[in-house]
N, C-alpha and C. Protein backbone atom coordinates (compact mmCIF):
# COMPACT_ATOMS: atom_id res chain seq x y z
N UNK A 1 139.06 19.86 17.76
CA UNK A 1 137.71 19.33 17.67
C UNK A 1 137.21 19.49 16.24
N UNK A 2 136.56 18.46 15.75
CA UNK A 2 136.05 18.50 14.38
C UNK A 2 134.58 18.92 14.38
N UNK A 3 134.22 19.69 13.36
CA UNK A 3 132.86 20.21 13.24
C UNK A 3 132.36 20.05 11.82
N UNK A 4 131.05 19.80 11.71
CA UNK A 4 130.35 19.75 10.44
C UNK A 4 129.47 20.99 10.37
N UNK A 5 129.61 21.76 9.31
CA UNK A 5 128.83 22.99 9.14
C UNK A 5 128.14 22.94 7.77
N UNK A 6 126.82 23.04 7.77
CA UNK A 6 126.06 23.05 6.52
C UNK A 6 125.16 24.28 6.51
N UNK A 7 125.56 25.26 5.71
CA UNK A 7 124.73 26.45 5.48
C UNK A 7 123.75 26.11 4.36
N UNK A 8 122.46 26.26 4.64
CA UNK A 8 121.43 26.00 3.62
C UNK A 8 121.04 27.33 2.99
N UNK A 9 121.02 27.35 1.66
CA UNK A 9 120.73 28.59 0.93
C UNK A 9 119.29 29.05 1.10
N UNK A 10 119.13 30.35 1.12
CA UNK A 10 117.82 30.97 1.04
C UNK A 10 117.42 30.93 -0.43
N UNK A 11 116.18 30.65 -0.72
CA UNK A 11 115.70 30.61 -2.12
C UNK A 11 116.01 31.94 -2.80
N UNK A 12 116.49 31.86 -4.03
CA UNK A 12 116.75 33.06 -4.81
C UNK A 12 118.02 33.81 -4.43
N UNK A 13 118.94 33.16 -3.73
CA UNK A 13 120.13 33.86 -3.26
C UNK A 13 121.36 33.67 -4.16
N UNK A 14 121.19 33.03 -5.30
CA UNK A 14 122.35 32.74 -6.15
C UNK A 14 123.10 34.00 -6.56
N UNK A 15 122.40 35.04 -6.98
CA UNK A 15 123.07 36.27 -7.42
C UNK A 15 123.89 36.87 -6.28
N UNK A 16 123.35 36.84 -5.08
CA UNK A 16 124.08 37.34 -3.92
C UNK A 16 125.32 36.49 -3.66
N UNK A 17 125.17 35.17 -3.74
CA UNK A 17 126.33 34.29 -3.53
C UNK A 17 127.39 34.51 -4.60
N UNK A 18 126.97 34.70 -5.84
CA UNK A 18 127.94 34.95 -6.90
C UNK A 18 128.67 36.28 -6.68
N UNK A 19 127.94 37.29 -6.24
CA UNK A 19 128.57 38.59 -5.98
C UNK A 19 129.57 38.52 -4.83
N UNK A 20 129.34 37.63 -3.89
CA UNK A 20 130.20 37.50 -2.71
C UNK A 20 131.23 36.37 -2.84
N UNK A 21 131.33 35.76 -4.01
CA UNK A 21 132.18 34.57 -4.14
C UNK A 21 133.63 34.82 -3.74
N UNK A 22 134.23 35.90 -4.21
CA UNK A 22 135.63 36.15 -3.85
C UNK A 22 135.78 36.41 -2.36
N UNK A 23 134.83 37.12 -1.76
CA UNK A 23 134.88 37.36 -0.31
C UNK A 23 134.74 36.03 0.45
N UNK A 24 133.85 35.16 -0.03
CA UNK A 24 133.67 33.84 0.57
C UNK A 24 134.97 33.02 0.47
N UNK A 25 135.57 33.00 -0.72
CA UNK A 25 136.80 32.23 -0.90
C UNK A 25 137.94 32.77 -0.04
N UNK A 26 138.05 34.09 0.05
CA UNK A 26 139.08 34.70 0.89
C UNK A 26 138.87 34.33 2.35
N UNK A 27 137.62 34.32 2.79
CA UNK A 27 137.30 33.92 4.17
C UNK A 27 137.72 32.46 4.39
N UNK A 28 137.38 31.59 3.45
CA UNK A 28 137.72 30.18 3.58
C UNK A 28 139.23 29.95 3.52
N UNK A 29 139.95 30.79 2.78
CA UNK A 29 141.41 30.67 2.73
C UNK A 29 142.02 30.75 4.13
N UNK A 30 141.40 31.51 5.01
CA UNK A 30 141.90 31.64 6.38
C UNK A 30 141.82 30.32 7.15
N UNK A 31 140.98 29.40 6.69
CA UNK A 31 140.75 28.13 7.37
C UNK A 31 141.29 26.94 6.58
N UNK A 32 142.08 27.20 5.56
CA UNK A 32 142.55 26.14 4.65
C UNK A 32 143.23 24.99 5.40
N UNK A 33 144.04 25.30 6.38
CA UNK A 33 144.75 24.26 7.13
C UNK A 33 143.85 23.42 8.01
N UNK A 34 142.65 23.91 8.30
CA UNK A 34 141.72 23.20 9.17
C UNK A 34 140.68 22.38 8.40
N UNK A 35 140.61 22.56 7.07
CA UNK A 35 139.56 21.93 6.27
C UNK A 35 139.76 20.43 6.12
N UNK A 36 138.69 19.70 6.33
CA UNK A 36 138.64 18.26 6.07
C UNK A 36 137.90 18.03 4.76
N UNK A 37 136.85 18.80 4.53
CA UNK A 37 136.08 18.71 3.29
C UNK A 37 135.28 20.00 3.12
N UNK A 38 134.91 20.29 1.88
CA UNK A 38 134.13 21.50 1.60
C UNK A 38 133.50 21.41 0.23
N UNK A 39 132.48 22.22 0.02
CA UNK A 39 131.89 22.32 -1.30
C UNK A 39 130.40 22.60 -1.26
N UNK A 40 129.87 23.07 -2.39
CA UNK A 40 128.45 23.41 -2.47
C UNK A 40 127.56 22.20 -2.72
N UNK A 41 126.31 22.32 -2.31
CA UNK A 41 125.28 21.36 -2.70
C UNK A 41 124.38 22.06 -3.71
N UNK A 42 123.82 21.25 -4.62
CA UNK A 42 123.03 21.81 -5.72
C UNK A 42 121.85 20.91 -6.07
N UNK A 43 121.00 21.43 -6.93
CA UNK A 43 119.97 20.63 -7.59
C UNK A 43 120.01 21.00 -9.07
N UNK A 44 119.14 20.41 -9.85
CA UNK A 44 119.00 20.74 -11.27
C UNK A 44 120.32 20.61 -12.03
N UNK A 45 121.04 19.51 -11.77
CA UNK A 45 122.30 19.28 -12.47
C UNK A 45 123.36 20.32 -12.18
N UNK A 46 123.31 20.91 -11.01
CA UNK A 46 124.31 21.89 -10.61
C UNK A 46 123.89 23.32 -10.86
N UNK A 47 122.70 23.54 -11.42
CA UNK A 47 122.24 24.89 -11.75
C UNK A 47 121.77 25.69 -10.54
N UNK A 48 121.18 25.02 -9.56
CA UNK A 48 120.63 25.72 -8.40
C UNK A 48 121.43 25.40 -7.16
N UNK A 49 122.04 26.41 -6.56
CA UNK A 49 122.76 26.23 -5.30
C UNK A 49 121.75 26.01 -4.18
N UNK A 50 122.03 25.02 -3.32
CA UNK A 50 121.14 24.75 -2.19
C UNK A 50 121.83 24.86 -0.84
N UNK A 51 123.17 24.90 -0.85
CA UNK A 51 123.87 24.99 0.41
C UNK A 51 125.37 24.93 0.23
N UNK A 52 126.05 24.95 1.38
CA UNK A 52 127.50 24.95 1.39
C UNK A 52 127.99 24.14 2.59
N UNK A 53 128.79 23.10 2.33
CA UNK A 53 129.30 22.20 3.36
C UNK A 53 130.74 22.57 3.69
N UNK A 54 131.04 22.60 4.97
CA UNK A 54 132.42 22.77 5.44
C UNK A 54 132.61 21.85 6.64
N UNK A 55 133.59 20.98 6.55
CA UNK A 55 133.95 20.10 7.65
C UNK A 55 135.38 20.48 8.03
N UNK A 56 135.58 20.85 9.30
CA UNK A 56 136.90 21.34 9.68
C UNK A 56 137.23 21.07 11.13
N UNK A 57 138.50 21.16 11.41
CA UNK A 57 139.04 20.94 12.75
C UNK A 57 139.37 22.31 13.34
N UNK A 58 138.67 22.66 14.41
CA UNK A 58 138.83 23.97 15.04
C UNK A 58 139.11 23.81 16.53
N UNK A 59 139.61 24.87 17.18
CA UNK A 59 139.96 24.77 18.60
C UNK A 59 138.80 24.42 19.53
N UNK A 60 137.57 24.76 19.18
CA UNK A 60 136.45 24.46 20.07
C UNK A 60 135.15 25.04 19.55
N UNK A 61 134.07 24.88 20.33
CA UNK A 61 132.74 25.33 19.91
C UNK A 61 132.66 26.83 19.60
N UNK A 62 133.33 27.64 20.38
CA UNK A 62 133.29 29.09 20.14
C UNK A 62 133.88 29.42 18.76
N UNK A 63 135.00 28.80 18.44
CA UNK A 63 135.62 29.01 17.13
C UNK A 63 134.72 28.50 16.01
N UNK A 64 134.03 27.39 16.24
CA UNK A 64 133.12 26.84 15.22
C UNK A 64 131.94 27.78 14.99
N UNK A 65 131.38 28.32 16.06
CA UNK A 65 130.26 29.27 15.90
C UNK A 65 130.74 30.52 15.17
N UNK A 66 131.92 31.02 15.51
CA UNK A 66 132.46 32.20 14.81
C UNK A 66 132.65 31.88 13.33
N UNK A 67 133.20 30.71 13.02
CA UNK A 67 133.37 30.31 11.62
C UNK A 67 132.04 30.35 10.89
N UNK A 68 131.03 29.70 11.46
CA UNK A 68 129.73 29.57 10.79
C UNK A 68 129.01 30.90 10.63
N UNK A 69 129.03 31.73 11.66
CA UNK A 69 128.19 32.92 11.65
C UNK A 69 128.90 34.19 11.18
N UNK A 70 130.22 34.16 11.07
CA UNK A 70 130.96 35.30 10.50
C UNK A 70 131.15 35.14 8.99
N UNK A 71 130.78 34.00 8.45
CA UNK A 71 130.96 33.71 7.02
C UNK A 71 130.23 34.79 6.20
N UNK A 72 130.85 35.35 5.16
CA UNK A 72 130.27 36.47 4.41
C UNK A 72 128.88 36.22 3.82
N UNK A 73 128.63 35.03 3.30
CA UNK A 73 127.30 34.75 2.75
C UNK A 73 126.24 34.72 3.86
N UNK A 74 126.61 34.18 5.01
CA UNK A 74 125.68 34.17 6.14
C UNK A 74 125.39 35.61 6.59
N UNK A 75 126.44 36.40 6.74
CA UNK A 75 126.28 37.80 7.16
C UNK A 75 125.42 38.60 6.20
N UNK A 76 125.48 38.28 4.91
CA UNK A 76 124.72 39.02 3.89
C UNK A 76 123.30 38.50 3.72
N UNK A 77 122.95 37.38 4.37
CA UNK A 77 121.59 36.86 4.28
C UNK A 77 121.36 35.86 3.16
N UNK A 78 122.43 35.29 2.59
CA UNK A 78 122.27 34.31 1.51
C UNK A 78 121.78 32.97 2.03
N UNK A 79 122.03 32.69 3.31
CA UNK A 79 121.64 31.40 3.88
C UNK A 79 120.40 31.53 4.73
N UNK A 80 119.55 30.50 4.70
CA UNK A 80 118.34 30.51 5.51
C UNK A 80 118.56 29.90 6.88
N UNK A 81 119.50 28.95 7.00
CA UNK A 81 119.81 28.37 8.31
C UNK A 81 121.16 27.67 8.25
N UNK A 82 121.62 27.25 9.42
CA UNK A 82 122.92 26.61 9.56
C UNK A 82 122.77 25.38 10.46
N UNK A 83 123.28 24.26 9.98
CA UNK A 83 123.42 23.07 10.81
C UNK A 83 124.88 23.01 11.22
N UNK A 84 125.15 23.16 12.50
CA UNK A 84 126.51 23.14 13.04
C UNK A 84 126.56 22.12 14.16
N UNK A 85 127.39 21.08 13.98
CA UNK A 85 127.48 20.00 14.96
C UNK A 85 128.92 19.56 15.12
N UNK A 86 129.23 19.11 16.32
CA UNK A 86 130.49 18.39 16.50
C UNK A 86 130.44 17.19 15.57
N UNK A 87 131.59 16.73 15.17
CA UNK A 87 131.69 15.66 14.18
C UNK A 87 132.93 14.84 14.49
N UNK A 88 132.95 13.59 14.10
CA UNK A 88 134.15 12.77 14.28
C UNK A 88 134.53 12.16 12.93
N UNK A 89 135.73 12.42 12.50
CA UNK A 89 136.25 11.98 11.22
C UNK A 89 136.62 10.50 11.30
N UNK A 90 135.67 9.62 10.99
CA UNK A 90 135.92 8.18 11.13
C UNK A 90 136.89 7.65 10.09
N UNK A 91 137.09 8.38 9.00
CA UNK A 91 138.02 7.91 7.97
C UNK A 91 139.44 8.41 8.21
N UNK A 92 139.58 9.45 9.03
CA UNK A 92 140.90 9.96 9.36
C UNK A 92 141.64 10.61 8.21
N UNK A 93 140.92 11.14 7.25
CA UNK A 93 141.57 11.79 6.11
C UNK A 93 140.74 12.98 5.66
N UNK A 94 141.30 13.75 4.73
CA UNK A 94 140.57 14.87 4.13
C UNK A 94 140.03 14.44 2.77
N UNK A 95 139.19 15.29 2.20
CA UNK A 95 138.65 14.97 0.87
C UNK A 95 139.77 14.94 -0.18
N UNK A 96 140.85 15.66 0.06
CA UNK A 96 141.96 15.70 -0.88
C UNK A 96 142.76 14.40 -0.86
N UNK A 97 142.59 13.62 0.20
CA UNK A 97 143.26 12.33 0.31
C UNK A 97 142.41 11.19 -0.27
N UNK A 98 141.19 11.49 -0.67
CA UNK A 98 140.28 10.46 -1.16
C UNK A 98 140.82 9.86 -2.46
N UNK A 99 140.96 8.54 -2.52
CA UNK A 99 141.56 7.91 -3.70
C UNK A 99 140.55 7.55 -4.78
N UNK A 100 139.38 8.17 -4.80
CA UNK A 100 138.28 7.76 -5.65
C UNK A 100 138.39 8.12 -7.11
N UNK A 101 137.21 8.18 -7.72
CA UNK A 101 137.07 8.35 -9.15
C UNK A 101 137.44 9.72 -9.67
N UNK A 102 137.09 9.97 -10.93
CA UNK A 102 137.45 11.25 -11.57
C UNK A 102 136.73 12.42 -10.91
N UNK A 103 137.27 13.62 -11.13
CA UNK A 103 136.71 14.82 -10.51
C UNK A 103 135.24 15.03 -10.85
N UNK A 104 134.79 14.55 -12.02
CA UNK A 104 133.41 14.77 -12.41
C UNK A 104 132.48 13.62 -12.00
N UNK A 105 132.99 12.68 -11.19
CA UNK A 105 132.14 11.58 -10.71
C UNK A 105 131.03 12.15 -9.83
N UNK A 106 129.83 11.56 -9.90
CA UNK A 106 128.73 12.06 -9.06
C UNK A 106 129.05 11.88 -7.57
N UNK A 107 128.81 12.96 -6.83
CA UNK A 107 129.07 12.95 -5.39
C UNK A 107 127.86 13.54 -4.67
N UNK A 108 127.68 13.10 -3.42
CA UNK A 108 126.48 13.48 -2.67
C UNK A 108 126.82 13.73 -1.21
N UNK A 109 126.05 14.62 -0.60
CA UNK A 109 126.02 14.78 0.85
C UNK A 109 124.83 13.97 1.34
N UNK A 110 125.07 13.06 2.27
CA UNK A 110 124.01 12.26 2.88
C UNK A 110 123.97 12.63 4.36
N UNK A 111 122.82 13.14 4.79
CA UNK A 111 122.62 13.52 6.19
C UNK A 111 121.60 12.58 6.82
N UNK A 112 121.98 11.97 7.91
CA UNK A 112 121.05 11.20 8.71
C UNK A 112 120.74 12.01 9.95
N UNK A 113 119.51 12.44 10.10
CA UNK A 113 119.11 13.31 11.21
C UNK A 113 118.18 12.56 12.16
N UNK A 114 118.29 12.86 13.45
CA UNK A 114 117.43 12.21 14.44
C UNK A 114 117.82 10.75 14.66
N UNK A 115 119.08 10.52 15.04
CA UNK A 115 119.60 9.16 15.27
C UNK A 115 118.75 8.44 16.29
N UNK A 116 118.29 7.25 15.94
CA UNK A 116 117.50 6.44 16.87
C UNK A 116 117.96 4.99 16.84
N UNK A 117 119.14 4.79 16.30
CA UNK A 117 119.70 3.45 16.22
C UNK A 117 120.53 3.11 17.44
N UNK A 118 121.22 2.00 17.33
CA UNK A 118 122.16 1.61 18.38
C UNK A 118 123.45 1.18 17.69
N UNK A 119 124.53 1.27 18.38
CA UNK A 119 125.80 0.91 17.77
C UNK A 119 126.36 2.08 16.96
N UNK A 120 127.09 1.75 15.94
CA UNK A 120 127.77 2.74 15.10
C UNK A 120 126.80 3.35 14.09
N UNK A 121 126.69 4.68 14.04
CA UNK A 121 125.73 5.32 13.14
C UNK A 121 126.13 5.32 11.67
N UNK A 122 127.34 4.91 11.35
CA UNK A 122 127.77 4.93 9.96
C UNK A 122 128.03 3.53 9.42
N UNK A 123 127.13 2.63 9.69
CA UNK A 123 127.25 1.30 9.13
C UNK A 123 126.80 1.37 7.68
N UNK A 124 127.71 1.01 6.79
CA UNK A 124 127.36 1.02 5.37
C UNK A 124 126.41 -0.13 5.10
N UNK A 125 125.27 0.20 4.53
CA UNK A 125 124.25 -0.80 4.22
C UNK A 125 124.75 -1.74 3.12
N UNK A 126 124.29 -2.98 3.12
CA UNK A 126 124.70 -3.92 2.07
C UNK A 126 124.35 -3.39 0.68
N UNK A 127 125.21 -3.64 -0.27
CA UNK A 127 124.93 -3.26 -1.65
C UNK A 127 125.35 -1.85 -2.02
N UNK A 128 126.00 -1.13 -1.13
CA UNK A 128 126.43 0.23 -1.45
C UNK A 128 127.59 0.16 -2.43
N UNK A 129 127.46 0.94 -3.51
CA UNK A 129 128.56 1.07 -4.47
C UNK A 129 129.12 2.47 -4.33
N UNK A 130 130.33 2.65 -4.75
CA UNK A 130 130.94 3.96 -4.64
C UNK A 130 131.80 4.03 -3.40
N UNK A 131 132.17 5.24 -3.03
CA UNK A 131 133.09 5.35 -1.91
C UNK A 131 132.79 6.51 -1.00
N UNK A 132 133.27 6.41 0.20
CA UNK A 132 133.13 7.49 1.17
C UNK A 132 134.28 8.46 0.99
N UNK A 133 133.96 9.71 0.75
CA UNK A 133 134.95 10.76 0.64
C UNK A 133 135.29 11.25 2.05
N UNK A 134 134.27 11.49 2.85
CA UNK A 134 134.40 11.89 4.25
C UNK A 134 133.15 11.41 4.96
N UNK A 135 133.28 11.00 6.22
CA UNK A 135 132.12 10.50 6.94
C UNK A 135 132.36 10.57 8.44
N UNK A 136 131.25 10.80 9.16
CA UNK A 136 131.34 10.80 10.61
C UNK A 136 130.00 11.05 11.26
N UNK A 137 129.90 10.73 12.54
CA UNK A 137 128.67 10.99 13.27
C UNK A 137 128.54 12.48 13.62
N UNK A 138 127.32 12.96 13.64
CA UNK A 138 126.99 14.28 14.15
C UNK A 138 126.76 14.12 15.64
N UNK A 139 127.45 14.94 16.44
CA UNK A 139 127.46 14.75 17.88
C UNK A 139 126.86 15.94 18.62
N UNK A 140 126.48 15.71 19.87
CA UNK A 140 126.02 16.78 20.74
C UNK A 140 127.18 17.74 21.01
N UNK A 141 126.88 18.90 21.57
CA UNK A 141 127.92 19.90 21.82
C UNK A 141 129.07 19.36 22.66
N UNK A 142 128.78 18.48 23.62
CA UNK A 142 129.84 17.93 24.46
C UNK A 142 130.49 16.69 23.85
N UNK A 143 130.00 16.26 22.69
CA UNK A 143 130.56 15.11 21.99
C UNK A 143 130.15 13.77 22.53
N UNK A 144 129.27 13.76 23.54
CA UNK A 144 128.92 12.50 24.20
C UNK A 144 127.78 11.74 23.52
N UNK A 145 126.86 12.44 22.87
CA UNK A 145 125.69 11.79 22.29
C UNK A 145 125.71 11.88 20.77
N UNK A 146 125.33 10.80 20.12
CA UNK A 146 125.19 10.77 18.66
C UNK A 146 123.82 11.32 18.31
N UNK A 147 123.79 12.31 17.42
CA UNK A 147 122.53 12.92 16.99
C UNK A 147 122.19 12.57 15.55
N UNK A 148 123.17 12.09 14.81
CA UNK A 148 122.96 11.78 13.40
C UNK A 148 124.28 11.42 12.75
N UNK A 149 124.33 11.57 11.43
CA UNK A 149 125.56 11.28 10.70
C UNK A 149 125.59 12.12 9.43
N UNK A 150 126.80 12.40 8.97
CA UNK A 150 126.99 13.12 7.71
C UNK A 150 128.07 12.40 6.92
N UNK A 151 127.79 12.17 5.64
CA UNK A 151 128.76 11.50 4.78
C UNK A 151 128.79 12.19 3.42
N UNK A 152 129.98 12.35 2.89
CA UNK A 152 130.18 12.80 1.52
C UNK A 152 130.56 11.55 0.74
N UNK A 153 129.76 11.25 -0.27
CA UNK A 153 129.80 9.94 -0.92
C UNK A 153 129.94 10.09 -2.42
N UNK A 154 130.83 9.29 -3.00
CA UNK A 154 130.89 9.15 -4.46
C UNK A 154 130.07 7.92 -4.79
N UNK A 155 129.05 8.08 -5.64
CA UNK A 155 128.16 6.98 -5.97
C UNK A 155 127.51 7.24 -7.33
N UNK A 156 127.02 6.20 -7.98
CA UNK A 156 126.40 6.38 -9.30
C UNK A 156 125.17 7.29 -9.28
N UNK A 157 124.45 7.32 -8.17
CA UNK A 157 123.25 8.15 -8.09
C UNK A 157 122.81 8.32 -6.65
N UNK A 158 121.79 9.18 -6.43
CA UNK A 158 121.34 9.47 -5.07
C UNK A 158 120.84 8.25 -4.30
N UNK A 159 120.17 7.32 -4.97
CA UNK A 159 119.68 6.13 -4.27
C UNK A 159 120.85 5.29 -3.75
N UNK A 160 121.92 5.19 -4.55
CA UNK A 160 123.10 4.46 -4.11
C UNK A 160 123.75 5.18 -2.92
N UNK A 161 123.85 6.50 -3.01
CA UNK A 161 124.45 7.29 -1.93
C UNK A 161 123.65 7.13 -0.63
N UNK A 162 122.33 7.15 -0.75
CA UNK A 162 121.47 7.07 0.43
C UNK A 162 121.72 5.79 1.23
N UNK A 163 122.09 4.72 0.52
CA UNK A 163 122.30 3.44 1.19
C UNK A 163 123.53 3.40 2.08
N UNK A 164 124.32 4.48 2.11
CA UNK A 164 125.47 4.52 3.01
C UNK A 164 125.00 4.56 4.47
N UNK A 165 123.77 4.99 4.70
CA UNK A 165 123.18 4.99 6.05
C UNK A 165 121.99 4.04 6.07
N UNK A 166 121.83 3.33 7.16
CA UNK A 166 120.66 2.47 7.32
C UNK A 166 119.49 3.39 7.69
N UNK A 167 118.57 3.58 6.75
CA UNK A 167 117.52 4.58 6.88
C UNK A 167 116.67 4.41 8.14
N UNK A 168 116.43 3.18 8.57
CA UNK A 168 115.60 2.96 9.76
C UNK A 168 116.23 3.49 11.03
N UNK A 169 117.53 3.78 11.00
CA UNK A 169 118.22 4.29 12.18
C UNK A 169 118.04 5.79 12.38
N UNK A 170 117.37 6.47 11.45
CA UNK A 170 117.25 7.93 11.47
C UNK A 170 115.79 8.35 11.30
N UNK A 171 115.44 9.45 11.93
CA UNK A 171 114.11 10.02 11.72
C UNK A 171 113.97 10.52 10.28
N UNK A 172 115.10 11.00 9.72
CA UNK A 172 115.08 11.54 8.37
C UNK A 172 116.46 11.36 7.73
N UNK A 173 116.47 11.02 6.46
CA UNK A 173 117.71 10.96 5.69
C UNK A 173 117.55 11.88 4.49
N UNK A 174 118.50 12.79 4.33
CA UNK A 174 118.51 13.72 3.20
C UNK A 174 119.70 13.38 2.30
N UNK A 175 119.49 13.52 0.98
CA UNK A 175 120.57 13.34 0.03
C UNK A 175 120.60 14.57 -0.87
N UNK A 176 121.79 15.18 -0.98
CA UNK A 176 121.98 16.39 -1.79
C UNK A 176 123.14 16.17 -2.75
N UNK A 177 123.02 16.67 -3.98
CA UNK A 177 124.17 16.68 -4.88
C UNK A 177 125.25 17.53 -4.23
N UNK A 178 126.48 17.04 -4.24
CA UNK A 178 127.59 17.76 -3.63
C UNK A 178 128.76 17.83 -4.61
N UNK A 179 129.45 18.94 -4.60
CA UNK A 179 130.59 19.17 -5.49
C UNK A 179 131.80 19.58 -4.65
N UNK A 180 132.95 19.08 -5.01
CA UNK A 180 134.18 19.49 -4.33
C UNK A 180 134.31 20.99 -4.48
N UNK A 181 134.62 21.68 -3.38
CA UNK A 181 134.69 23.14 -3.40
C UNK A 181 136.09 23.67 -3.18
N UNK A 182 136.17 24.97 -3.21
CA UNK A 182 137.44 25.66 -3.02
C UNK A 182 137.88 26.35 -4.28
N UNK A 183 138.99 27.01 -4.18
CA UNK A 183 139.54 27.69 -5.35
C UNK A 183 139.97 26.68 -6.40
N UNK A 184 139.76 27.00 -7.67
CA UNK A 184 140.25 26.10 -8.73
C UNK A 184 141.77 25.96 -8.64
N UNK A 185 142.25 24.77 -8.86
CA UNK A 185 143.69 24.52 -8.83
C UNK A 185 144.26 24.81 -10.21
N UNK A 186 145.29 25.64 -10.25
CA UNK A 186 145.98 25.95 -11.50
C UNK A 186 147.21 25.10 -11.57
N UNK A 187 147.32 24.29 -12.62
CA UNK A 187 148.46 23.39 -12.78
C UNK A 187 149.47 24.00 -13.74
N UNK A 188 150.71 23.84 -13.38
CA UNK A 188 151.80 24.26 -14.24
C UNK A 188 152.47 23.01 -14.77
N UNK A 189 152.02 22.56 -15.95
CA UNK A 189 152.56 21.34 -16.54
C UNK A 189 153.77 21.59 -17.42
N UNK A 190 154.22 22.84 -17.46
CA UNK A 190 155.30 23.20 -18.37
C UNK A 190 156.58 23.13 -17.71
């Protein structure tokens, strides 16, 4: 079962998150094989951490709750809340399979909350530029009802990213700067 987990940072928690970074990375290493996408959200050109996205395939809801609430930053109080929902990977790939632009291309998390549309919740609106890194509907615990959508998008700016969802289909649409996460990759070119 696939799950979308978004831990939202508590204001002023950057120092705590930095102090726990190695513990956080070690915890995430345990789930490396299950990861579909991951990375922090920020504001101020990357200066202010606002949250942490993890999309992964886990055995079930109990495992997803354990993942979300045993996370070291959550346990230490760095996060103010957690959005945890069943999710469906409509692209069928991970962020590492994304064939998009350069690593420093602008990327965004787009959340559509309070689904009130009909049909498919991830209809790309006309005029969208950029690409979908990962995308899927946010589902009820039993997977039967659509509650919203989450997309990781490469786009020139937040307004372009927002257009990946038809805004009228949601009670609220949020757009956050998103960065590919995980341990830095060390290349041996020699």
